[in-house]
């Protein structure tokens, strides 16, 4: 039995802690804030309750597997999962609207045919077939296995089988998301639909590899789910599963250093001056924090993948509305930018003001536990901003409310009050510099969208969570916990579940 110290209580860290405890290790979690969950937080005011982090759960199978492997009660006995249908409703710049059904390629194609016409629908259906091939080619090395020592293979190989595009006597194939939209989809609304999946992670579609096609494919193939009571309930279930497996927690316990002894990790130094001795350290922190904790020595992931710094964050506006949620209201609506080029230049070009009418995601859960009574509604509105953004966010929040009015008729008249959650709030909750939000790992692009290995250059020190392989997002965090537990329990020869 090893003594294992875990830094942080985010979803990935909790997933690793539960699995390691079941394997017979003594696991102690040190969390610098006063609660668990990382980005899975909740704000409660006057009978209203809002998720401030992820609002939906893709790939719930990751957490079903975790709960199956760590106790008798399955995930569905610990939280109530609700499949969101339609998966999303889209409002495009030209006013076109379409609702896309959950986990149904045929249903999505049919809905697009009704809204955009048969040619557009056929092109999206063909794109999803190619996206599935990219998923099949990249799934195991990107999600289910520790990062390959020869990770350059993933960096150089583009798994997306781009369709040939002939123009002006030249044959081209798409290498970026923007080129897939321009050359294969050829409809500005389909392009907006595709690019919204990368933009949601703060990725510029103009230089994001075509392999990002797996992001919309995941949603269409495996569905989108909501946790009744809000996504914070998933964090509660993870925490309680850890307690049931006798994981020990210390809140308000900030790690200030990783101790070394005989060339390997040997515990933690804490802000109160105490030392927590351990045989193994698992760090669920951002790269900058890990550099400080380890004094910058030998923590780069094995194989030389550089620590990936995030450049994007999010602003979320929490809306308390008078009047109940109308029957048939979509849970999620994406309102696309009026001027996509201006939006991309504002977010990813030379420093400038935030876009006046950005792409926003509006979440309107059908959940009576979030409101004081049936005559009120709790809504969140989110958009991407650069990490560290702190100027003029009140004005930006007003812009987001205006954009959200395209999804919620009479929004201003119904508004009781609102609260703005900024990158500074994310930084305070997660510790990530500038409130940066990590994106999922993607193949190609020279490896710049991969994340460092869960094993590090310091024996006995491992990394978990969105800032390490396989990257950001709730499913990926859960996968990182499984990979770290496998590497610790089975050793470096571990190659993931078969």
Protein backbone atom coordinates (compact mmCIF):
# COMPACT_ATOMS: atom_id res chain seq x y z
CA UNK A 1 0.00 0.00 0.00
CA UNK A 2 1.45 3.33 -1.09
CA UNK A 3 0.83 6.71 0.48
CA UNK A 4 -0.53 8.94 -2.29
CA UNK A 5 -0.93 12.71 -2.00
CA UNK A 6 -3.31 14.31 -4.52
CA UNK A 7 -3.10 18.06 -5.18
CA UNK A 8 -6.51 19.51 -5.98
CA UNK A 9 -10.06 18.18 -5.92
CA UNK A 10 -11.18 18.69 -9.51
CA UNK A 11 -13.04 15.99 -11.43
CA UNK A 12 -9.87 14.33 -12.76
CA UNK A 13 -8.24 14.31 -9.32
CA UNK A 14 -11.36 12.85 -7.70
CA UNK A 15 -11.57 10.17 -10.39
CA UNK A 16 -7.95 9.17 -9.79
CA UNK A 17 -8.35 9.25 -6.00
CA UNK A 18 -11.36 6.91 -6.02
CA UNK A 19 -9.67 4.41 -8.34
CA UNK A 20 -6.41 4.44 -6.36
CA UNK A 21 -8.23 3.97 -3.06
CA UNK A 22 -10.08 0.94 -4.43
CA UNK A 23 -6.70 -0.48 -5.46
CA UNK A 24 -5.68 -0.46 -1.81
CA UNK A 25 -3.66 2.73 -1.53
CA UNK A 26 -3.93 5.35 1.21
CA UNK A 27 -5.05 8.48 -0.64
CA UNK A 28 -5.10 11.99 0.83
CA UNK A 29 -6.39 14.98 -1.18
CA UNK A 30 -5.10 18.50 -0.47
CA UNK A 31 -7.36 21.23 -1.89
CA UNK A 32 -6.43 24.91 -1.53
CA UNK A 33 -10.08 26.13 -1.65
CA UNK A 34 -12.84 25.26 0.78
CA UNK A 35 -14.66 22.74 -1.41
CA UNK A 36 -14.34 20.01 -4.02
CA UNK A 37 -15.20 20.00 -7.71
CA UNK A 38 -12.73 22.32 -9.42
CA UNK A 39 -14.72 24.05 -12.17
CA UNK A 40 -17.93 22.24 -11.16
CA UNK A 41 -19.27 25.01 -8.94
CA UNK A 42 -22.69 26.35 -8.07
CA UNK A 43 -24.04 29.81 -7.22
CA UNK A 44 -27.22 29.98 -5.14
CA UNK A 45 -29.15 33.22 -4.63
CA UNK A 46 -32.73 33.82 -3.45
CA UNK A 47 -33.94 30.36 -4.42
CA UNK A 48 -32.11 30.33 -7.78
CA UNK A 49 -29.27 27.91 -8.48
CA UNK A 50 -26.77 28.12 -11.36
CA UNK A 51 -23.91 25.99 -12.65
CA UNK A 52 -20.86 28.19 -13.16
CA UNK A 53 -18.74 25.62 -14.99
CA UNK A 54 -19.70 22.88 -17.47
CA UNK A 55 -23.45 22.71 -17.90
CA UNK A 56 -23.76 19.42 -19.79
CA UNK A 57 -22.11 16.00 -19.75
CA UNK A 58 -20.95 14.35 -22.97
CA UNK A 59 -19.83 10.70 -22.92
CA UNK A 60 -21.38 9.71 -19.56
CA UNK A 61 -19.92 6.22 -20.13
CA UNK A 62 -16.64 7.54 -18.69
CA UNK A 63 -18.28 8.16 -15.32
CA UNK A 64 -20.43 5.04 -15.52
CA UNK A 65 -17.19 3.07 -15.77
CA UNK A 66 -15.69 4.97 -12.83
CA UNK A 67 -18.64 4.26 -10.56
CA UNK A 68 -18.81 0.62 -11.70
CA UNK A 69 -15.13 0.10 -10.87
CA UNK A 70 -15.19 1.89 -7.49
CA UNK A 71 -18.33 0.68 -5.72
CA UNK A 72 -21.63 -1.15 -5.73
CA UNK A 73 -23.87 1.80 -6.62
CA UNK A 74 -23.84 2.67 -10.34
CA UNK A 75 -23.74 6.28 -11.51
CA UNK A 76 -27.50 6.39 -12.09
CA UNK A 77 -28.14 5.58 -8.41
CA UNK A 78 -25.93 8.49 -7.35
CA UNK A 79 -27.19 11.16 -9.76
CA UNK A 80 -30.18 11.48 -12.06
CA UNK A 81 -29.02 11.63 -15.67
CA UNK A 82 -31.35 13.23 -18.21
CA UNK A 83 -30.73 12.93 -21.94
CA UNK A 84 -31.07 16.36 -23.52
CA UNK A 85 -33.34 16.31 -26.58
CA UNK A 86 -32.95 18.22 -28.76
CA UNK A 87 -29.24 18.17 -28.15
CA UNK A 88 -28.99 21.78 -29.31
CA UNK A 89 -30.98 24.50 -31.01
CA UNK A 90 -29.12 26.86 -33.35
CA UNK A 91 -29.94 30.43 -34.35
CA UNK A 92 -27.81 31.43 -37.34
CA UNK A 93 -26.82 34.91 -38.47
CA UNK A 94 -29.45 34.99 -41.21
CA UNK A 95 -32.21 34.07 -38.76
CA UNK A 96 -32.43 30.40 -39.78
CA UNK A 97 -33.18 28.11 -36.86
CA UNK A 98 -32.72 24.37 -36.47
CA UNK A 99 -33.02 21.90 -33.60
CA UNK A 100 -30.69 18.91 -33.72
CA UNK A 101 -31.86 15.68 -32.06
CA UNK A 102 -29.71 13.87 -29.54
CA UNK A 103 -27.49 10.95 -30.58
CA UNK A 104 -29.03 10.44 -34.00
CA UNK A 105 -27.05 11.03 -37.18
CA UNK A 106 -30.11 10.31 -39.31
CA UNK A 107 -32.20 12.66 -37.20
CA UNK A 108 -29.62 15.44 -37.48
CA UNK A 109 -29.45 15.06 -41.25
CA UNK A 110 -33.25 15.11 -41.48
CA UNK A 111 -33.50 18.25 -39.33
CA UNK A 112 -30.87 20.00 -41.45
CA UNK A 113 -32.69 19.01 -44.63
CA UNK A 114 -35.88 20.61 -43.35
CA UNK A 115 -34.08 23.80 -42.29
CA UNK A 116 -31.25 24.21 -44.82
CA UNK A 117 -32.20 22.02 -47.75
CA UNK A 118 -31.15 18.60 -49.07
CA UNK A 119 -27.74 19.66 -50.42
CA UNK A 120 -26.60 21.10 -47.08
CA UNK A 121 -27.97 18.08 -45.22
CA UNK A 122 -26.13 15.66 -47.50
CA UNK A 123 -22.87 17.53 -47.05
CA UNK A 124 -23.18 17.44 -43.25
CA UNK A 125 -24.03 13.75 -43.34
CA UNK A 126 -20.97 13.04 -45.50
CA UNK A 127 -18.87 15.12 -43.11
CA UNK A 128 -20.06 13.05 -40.14
CA UNK A 129 -18.98 9.86 -41.92
CA UNK A 130 -15.48 11.31 -42.34
CA UNK A 131 -15.53 12.56 -38.75
CA UNK A 132 -16.34 9.05 -37.56
CA UNK A 133 -13.28 7.75 -39.39
CA UNK A 134 -11.15 10.41 -37.67
CA UNK A 135 -12.63 9.27 -34.34
CA UNK A 136 -11.90 5.61 -35.04
CA UNK A 137 -8.31 6.43 -35.99
CA UNK A 138 -7.53 8.64 -33.01
CA UNK A 139 -9.74 7.40 -30.15
CA UNK A 140 -7.34 5.03 -28.42
CA UNK A 141 -4.08 7.00 -28.58
CA UNK A 142 -5.79 10.29 -27.77
CA UNK A 143 -8.19 9.20 -25.03
CA UNK A 144 -7.78 5.66 -23.80
CA UNK A 145 -4.02 5.11 -23.63
CA UNK A 146 -1.18 6.92 -21.90
CA UNK A 147 0.51 9.33 -24.28
CA UNK A 148 2.79 7.40 -26.62
CA UNK A 149 6.54 7.91 -26.10
CA UNK A 150 6.69 8.51 -29.86
CA UNK A 151 3.91 11.09 -29.62
CA UNK A 152 5.28 12.78 -32.76
CA UNK A 153 3.30 10.21 -34.75
CA UNK A 154 0.13 11.79 -33.41
CA UNK A 155 1.52 15.25 -34.11
CA UNK A 156 2.30 14.57 -37.75
CA UNK A 157 -0.61 12.34 -38.75
CA UNK A 158 -3.91 14.00 -39.61
CA UNK A 159 -6.64 11.41 -38.91
CA UNK A 160 -9.39 13.31 -40.72
CA UNK A 161 -9.85 11.89 -44.26
CA UNK A 162 -10.50 15.19 -46.00
CA UNK A 163 -12.46 15.10 -49.23
CA UNK A 164 -10.66 16.28 -52.35
CA UNK A 165 -11.70 19.75 -53.47
CA UNK A 166 -10.94 20.85 -57.00
CA UNK A 167 -10.68 24.57 -57.69
CA UNK A 168 -8.95 26.46 -60.47
CA UNK A 169 -7.31 23.31 -61.83
CA UNK A 170 -5.88 22.52 -58.40
CA UNK A 171 -6.91 19.72 -56.06
CA UNK A 172 -6.85 20.60 -52.37
CA UNK A 173 -7.73 18.82 -49.16
CA UNK A 174 -8.77 20.58 -45.98
CA UNK A 175 -6.19 20.78 -43.21
CA UNK A 176 -8.04 23.05 -40.80
CA UNK A 177 -11.57 23.33 -39.46
CA UNK A 178 -12.13 26.53 -41.44
CA UNK A 179 -11.07 24.79 -44.64
CA UNK A 180 -13.42 21.88 -43.94
CA UNK A 181 -16.21 24.43 -43.68
CA UNK A 182 -15.23 26.34 -46.80
CA UNK A 183 -14.35 23.43 -49.09
CA UNK A 184 -16.53 20.55 -47.89
CA UNK A 185 -19.60 22.10 -46.25
CA UNK A 186 -19.83 25.25 -48.39
CA UNK A 187 -22.73 26.73 -46.48
CA UNK A 188 -22.07 29.55 -43.99
CA UNK A 189 -24.58 28.08 -41.57
CA UNK A 190 -22.97 24.63 -41.65
CA UNK A 191 -19.59 26.32 -41.27
CA UNK A 192 -20.87 28.19 -38.22
CA UNK A 193 -22.25 24.92 -36.81
CA UNK A 194 -18.89 23.19 -37.25
CA UNK A 195 -16.76 26.07 -36.00
CA UNK A 196 -18.89 26.56 -32.89
CA UNK A 197 -17.52 23.28 -31.54
CA UNK A 198 -13.93 24.55 -31.68
CA UNK A 199 -14.81 28.09 -30.65
CA UNK A 200 -16.46 26.72 -27.50
CA UNK A 201 -12.96 25.59 -26.41
CA UNK A 202 -11.28 28.84 -27.34
CA UNK A 203 -9.72 27.36 -30.49
CA UNK A 204 -9.38 29.42 -33.65
CA UNK A 205 -10.95 27.37 -36.47
CA UNK A 206 -8.57 28.98 -38.95
CA UNK A 207 -5.59 27.12 -37.48
CA UNK A 208 -7.26 24.26 -35.60
CA UNK A 209 -6.56 20.96 -37.40
CA UNK A 210 -9.30 19.15 -39.25
CA UNK A 211 -9.02 16.39 -36.61
CA UNK A 212 -11.29 18.60 -34.47
CA UNK A 213 -14.10 17.04 -36.52
CA UNK A 214 -14.25 14.51 -33.69
CA UNK A 215 -15.84 17.17 -31.44
CA UNK A 216 -19.20 17.42 -33.25
CA UNK A 217 -19.03 13.69 -33.98
CA UNK A 218 -18.86 12.88 -30.25
CA UNK A 219 -22.01 14.87 -29.63
CA UNK A 220 -23.96 13.37 -32.51
CA UNK A 221 -22.81 9.80 -31.81
CA UNK A 222 -22.93 9.55 -28.03
CA UNK A 223 -25.39 12.22 -27.02
CA UNK A 224 -25.51 14.98 -24.46
CA UNK A 225 -26.73 14.61 -20.90
CA UNK A 226 -27.73 16.80 -17.97
CA UNK A 227 -27.49 15.97 -14.28
CA UNK A 228 -30.70 16.81 -12.41
CA UNK A 229 -29.98 19.47 -9.82
CA UNK A 230 -27.10 20.85 -11.89
CA UNK A 231 -23.67 19.54 -12.78
CA UNK A 232 -22.46 20.30 -9.27
CA UNK A 233 -24.35 17.13 -8.34
CA UNK A 234 -21.80 15.11 -10.32
CA UNK A 235 -19.02 16.65 -8.23
CA UNK A 236 -20.94 15.76 -5.07
CA UNK A 237 -21.33 12.16 -6.21
CA UNK A 238 -17.60 11.91 -7.01
CA UNK A 239 -16.70 13.35 -3.61
CA UNK A 240 -19.03 10.98 -1.78
CA UNK A 241 -17.66 8.02 -3.72
CA UNK A 242 -14.16 9.03 -2.61
CA UNK A 243 -15.32 9.28 1.01
CA UNK A 244 -16.92 5.84 0.76
CA UNK A 245 -13.56 4.48 -0.41
CA UNK A 246 -11.89 6.17 2.61
CA UNK A 247 -10.11 8.91 0.72
CA UNK A 248 -9.05 11.63 3.18
CA UNK A 249 -9.63 15.31 2.36
CA UNK A 250 -7.96 18.47 3.63
CA UNK A 251 -9.61 21.69 2.43
CA UNK A 252 -7.94 25.07 2.73
CA UNK A 253 -4.66 23.17 2.39
CA UNK A 254 -2.52 24.79 -0.28
CA UNK A 255 0.47 22.89 -1.58
CA UNK A 256 3.52 25.13 -2.02
CA UNK A 257 6.04 22.55 -3.16
CA UNK A 258 6.66 18.95 -4.17
CA UNK A 259 9.32 17.37 -2.00
CA UNK A 260 12.06 15.28 -3.59
CA UNK A 261 14.11 12.54 -1.99
CA UNK A 262 16.58 10.23 -3.71
CA UNK A 263 15.54 11.52 -7.10
CA UNK A 264 11.78 10.96 -6.79
CA UNK A 265 8.68 12.67 -5.41
CA UNK A 266 8.40 12.20 -1.66
CA UNK A 267 5.48 14.36 -0.55
CA UNK A 268 4.20 17.92 -0.31
CA UNK A 269 5.11 21.14 1.43
CA UNK A 270 2.00 23.01 2.56
CA UNK A 271 1.32 26.70 3.06
CA UNK A 272 0.98 26.32 6.83
CA UNK A 273 4.57 25.09 7.00
CA UNK A 274 3.73 21.44 7.47
CA UNK A 275 4.95 18.55 5.34
CA UNK A 276 2.81 15.73 3.98
CA UNK A 277 5.02 12.75 3.30
CA UNK A 278 3.98 10.47 0.45
CA UNK A 279 5.35 7.78 -1.82
CA UNK A 280 3.54 9.18 -4.86
CA UNK A 281 2.20 12.63 -5.73
CA UNK A 282 -0.67 13.20 -8.19
CA UNK A 283 -1.02 16.83 -9.27
CA UNK A 284 -4.33 18.07 -10.64
CA UNK A 285 -3.11 21.61 -11.34
CA UNK A 286 -2.30 23.85 -14.32
CA UNK A 287 1.20 23.88 -15.87
CA UNK A 288 2.21 27.16 -14.28
CA UNK A 289 1.23 25.96 -10.82
CA UNK A 290 3.06 22.66 -11.36
CA UNK A 291 6.19 24.54 -12.42
CA UNK A 292 6.12 26.52 -9.19
CA UNK A 293 5.44 23.50 -7.03
CA UNK A 294 8.31 21.54 -8.54
CA UNK A 295 10.65 24.53 -8.86
CA UNK A 296 10.61 23.92 -12.59
CA UNK A 297 12.67 20.74 -12.40
CA UNK A 298 12.01 17.67 -14.52
CA UNK A 299 8.25 17.88 -14.68
CA UNK A 300 7.82 18.08 -18.42
CA UNK A 301 5.81 15.10 -19.62
CA UNK A 302 7.71 12.10 -20.89
CA UNK A 303 8.56 12.29 -24.57
CA UNK A 304 9.08 16.04 -24.52
CA UNK A 305 5.52 17.28 -25.14
CA UNK A 306 5.59 20.87 -23.91
CA UNK A 307 3.18 22.04 -21.25
CA UNK A 308 0.23 23.51 -23.15
CA UNK A 309 -0.78 26.97 -21.97
CA UNK A 310 -4.41 27.94 -22.36
CA UNK A 311 -5.22 31.23 -24.07
CA UNK A 312 -8.98 31.27 -23.71
CA UNK A 313 -11.45 31.59 -20.88
CA UNK A 314 -15.18 32.20 -20.54
CA UNK A 315 -17.61 34.80 -19.31
CA UNK A 316 -20.87 33.45 -17.93
CA UNK A 317 -23.90 35.55 -17.07
CA UNK A 318 -26.36 34.06 -14.57
CA UNK A 319 -29.90 35.27 -15.29
CA UNK A 320 -32.75 35.14 -12.79
CA UNK A 321 -35.97 35.53 -14.78
CA UNK A 322 -39.59 36.07 -13.80
CA UNK A 323 -42.00 33.78 -15.62
CA UNK A 324 -41.72 30.03 -15.95
CA UNK A 325 -39.82 28.12 -18.62
CA UNK A 326 -42.17 27.63 -21.60
CA UNK A 327 -42.96 24.03 -22.46
CA UNK A 328 -40.84 22.70 -25.32
CA UNK A 329 -37.98 25.15 -24.73
CA UNK A 330 -34.61 23.70 -25.88
CA UNK A 331 -32.18 23.08 -23.06
CA UNK A 332 -29.27 24.49 -25.07
CA UNK A 333 -29.39 27.19 -27.74
CA UNK A 334 -26.33 28.40 -29.63
CA UNK A 335 -26.79 31.89 -31.04
CA UNK A 336 -24.17 32.33 -33.74
CA UNK A 337 -22.27 35.56 -34.31
CA UNK A 338 -23.65 38.05 -36.81
CA UNK A 339 -20.15 38.61 -38.21
CA UNK A 340 -17.99 35.49 -37.76
CA UNK A 341 -14.86 37.01 -39.30
CA UNK A 342 -15.00 40.01 -36.98
CA UNK A 343 -15.55 37.70 -34.02
CA UNK A 344 -12.49 35.60 -34.85
CA UNK A 345 -10.31 38.66 -35.40
CA UNK A 346 -11.45 40.12 -32.09
CA UNK A 347 -10.74 36.92 -30.16
CA UNK A 348 -7.62 35.65 -31.92
CA UNK A 349 -6.18 38.54 -33.92
CA UNK A 350 -4.48 41.71 -32.75
CA UNK A 351 -5.63 42.87 -29.30
CA UNK A 352 -8.92 44.68 -29.61
CA UNK A 353 -12.26 45.08 -27.92
CA UNK A 354 -14.34 41.99 -27.29
CA UNK A 355 -16.87 41.23 -30.05
CA UNK A 356 -20.10 43.16 -29.68
CA UNK A 357 -22.28 40.27 -30.88
CA UNK A 358 -20.35 37.07 -30.19
CA UNK A 359 -21.42 33.46 -30.42
CA UNK A 360 -23.17 32.62 -27.15
CA UNK A 361 -24.50 29.44 -25.58
CA UNK A 362 -27.77 29.75 -23.68
CA UNK A 363 -28.67 26.98 -21.21
CA UNK A 364 -32.27 26.75 -19.98
CA UNK A 365 -32.57 23.53 -17.91
CA UNK A 366 -35.98 22.01 -17.31
CA UNK A 367 -35.20 21.54 -13.64
CA UNK A 368 -37.52 22.75 -10.85
CA UNK A 369 -34.74 22.33 -8.28
CA UNK A 370 -32.97 25.38 -9.72
CA UNK A 371 -35.74 27.94 -9.16
CA UNK A 372 -37.82 29.17 -6.21
CA UNK A 373 -41.08 28.15 -7.91
CA UNK A 374 -42.61 27.37 -11.28
CA UNK A 375 -43.06 31.07 -12.04
CA UNK A 376 -39.32 31.67 -12.41
CA UNK A 377 -36.49 30.46 -14.63
CA UNK A 378 -32.71 30.15 -14.12
CA UNK A 379 -30.64 30.68 -17.28
CA UNK A 380 -26.91 30.82 -18.01
CA UNK A 381 -25.37 32.62 -20.99
CA UNK A 382 -21.72 31.93 -21.88
CA UNK A 383 -19.17 33.17 -24.39
CA UNK A 384 -15.46 32.71 -24.98
CA UNK A 385 -13.04 35.50 -24.06
CA UNK A 386 -9.23 35.63 -23.90
CA UNK A 387 -7.75 34.31 -20.67
CA UNK A 388 -7.07 37.12 -18.25
CA UNK A 389 -9.73 39.36 -19.79
CA UNK A 390 -10.79 41.80 -17.13
CA UNK A 391 -11.65 45.08 -18.80
CA UNK A 392 -15.16 46.13 -19.81
CA UNK A 393 -16.69 42.80 -18.83
CA UNK A 394 -19.81 44.49 -17.45
CA UNK A 395 -20.41 46.01 -20.88
CA UNK A 396 -19.66 42.64 -22.48
CA UNK A 397 -22.21 40.97 -20.20
CA UNK A 398 -24.82 43.45 -21.44
CA UNK A 399 -23.90 42.45 -25.01
CA UNK A 400 -24.35 38.77 -24.11
CA UNK A 401 -27.80 39.47 -22.68
CA UNK A 402 -28.73 41.29 -25.88
CA UNK A 403 -27.58 38.35 -28.01
CA UNK A 404 -29.40 35.90 -25.73
CA UNK A 405 -32.57 37.87 -26.47
CA UNK A 406 -32.58 36.18 -29.89
CA UNK A 407 -33.14 32.89 -28.06
CA UNK A 408 -35.38 34.14 -25.24
CA UNK A 409 -38.23 36.41 -26.40
CA UNK A 410 -38.91 39.27 -24.00
CA UNK A 411 -35.72 38.59 -22.06
CA UNK A 412 -35.17 42.14 -20.86
CA UNK A 413 -38.73 42.42 -19.58
CA UNK A 414 -38.39 39.14 -17.67
CA UNK A 415 -34.99 39.91 -16.13
CA UNK A 416 -35.03 40.20 -12.34
CA UNK A 417 -31.26 40.42 -11.91
CA UNK A 418 -28.03 38.97 -13.24
CA UNK A 419 -24.56 38.12 -12.03
CA UNK A 420 -21.38 38.00 -14.10
CA UNK A 421 -18.76 35.25 -13.69
CA UNK A 422 -15.40 36.28 -15.14
CA UNK A 423 -12.00 34.68 -15.89
CA UNK A 424 -10.90 35.95 -12.47
CA UNK A 425 -13.61 33.82 -10.84
CA UNK A 426 -12.44 30.76 -12.81
CA UNK A 427 -8.84 31.45 -11.77
CA UNK A 428 -9.90 31.64 -8.13
CA UNK A 429 -11.76 28.34 -8.30
CA UNK A 430 -9.34 26.31 -10.42
CA UNK A 431 -5.98 28.04 -9.99
CA UNK A 432 -5.47 28.25 -13.76
CA UNK A 433 -3.58 31.33 -14.86
CA UNK A 434 -5.95 34.00 -16.18
CA UNK A 435 -8.87 31.63 -15.71
CA UNK A 436 -7.78 29.66 -18.78
CA UNK A 437 -9.95 26.66 -19.68
CA UNK A 438 -8.08 23.65 -21.14
CA UNK A 439 -9.25 22.20 -24.45
CA UNK A 440 -9.35 18.50 -25.35
CA UNK A 441 -6.25 17.01 -26.95
CA UNK A 442 -6.27 16.92 -30.75
CA UNK A 443 -4.03 15.12 -33.22
CA UNK A 444 -1.94 16.77 -35.98
CA UNK A 445 -0.90 20.46 -35.88
CA UNK A 446 2.66 19.49 -34.96
CA UNK A 447 1.56 18.37 -31.52
CA UNK A 448 0.73 21.84 -30.23
CA UNK A 449 -2.77 20.66 -29.27
CA UNK A 450 -1.56 17.63 -27.34
CA UNK A 451 -1.13 17.76 -23.58
CA UNK A 452 1.83 16.53 -21.52
CA UNK A 453 1.96 12.91 -20.46
CA UNK A 454 0.45 11.89 -17.12
CA UNK A 455 3.89 10.55 -16.20
CA UNK A 456 6.53 13.21 -15.63
CA UNK A 457 10.30 13.44 -15.65
CA UNK A 458 10.30 13.15 -11.86
CA UNK A 459 9.64 9.55 -10.76
CA UNK A 460 6.65 9.30 -8.45
CA UNK A 461 5.05 12.52 -9.76
CA UNK A 462 2.00 12.22 -12.02
CA UNK A 463 -0.39 14.78 -13.48
CA UNK A 464 -4.15 14.49 -13.83
CA UNK A 465 -7.02 16.62 -15.08
CA UNK A 466 -7.60 18.95 -18.00
CA UNK A 467 -4.04 20.26 -18.21
CA UNK A 468 -2.54 16.84 -18.87
CA UNK A 469 -3.26 14.04 -21.33
CA UNK A 470 -5.96 13.72 -22.73
CA UNK A 471 -6.96 17.33 -22.05
CA UNK A 472 -9.95 19.40 -21.04
CA UNK A 473 -13.62 18.56 -20.69
CA UNK A 474 -15.45 16.39 -18.17
CA UNK A 475 -15.07 13.10 -20.11
CA UNK A 476 -11.37 13.75 -20.67
CA UNK A 477 -10.86 14.56 -16.99
CA UNK A 478 -12.41 11.25 -16.02
CA UNK A 479 -10.22 9.46 -18.56
CA UNK A 480 -7.10 11.10 -17.15
CA UNK A 481 -8.01 9.75 -13.71
CA UNK A 482 -8.26 6.24 -15.14
CA UNK A 483 -4.90 6.58 -16.93
CA UNK A 484 -3.08 7.86 -13.85
CA UNK A 485 -4.52 5.09 -11.69
CA UNK A 486 -3.47 2.52 -14.28
CA UNK A 487 0.08 3.88 -14.49
CA UNK A 488 0.45 3.83 -10.70
CA UNK A 489 -1.15 0.43 -10.11
CA UNK A 490 0.23 -1.45 -13.12
CA UNK A 491 3.36 0.56 -13.86
CA UNK A 492 4.70 2.20 -17.03
CA UNK A 493 3.71 -0.81 -19.15
CA UNK A 494 0.02 0.08 -18.63
CA UNK A 495 -1.68 0.69 -21.98
CA UNK A 496 -5.26 1.46 -21.01
CA UNK A 497 -8.41 -0.61 -20.83
CA UNK A 498 -9.00 -2.97 -23.71
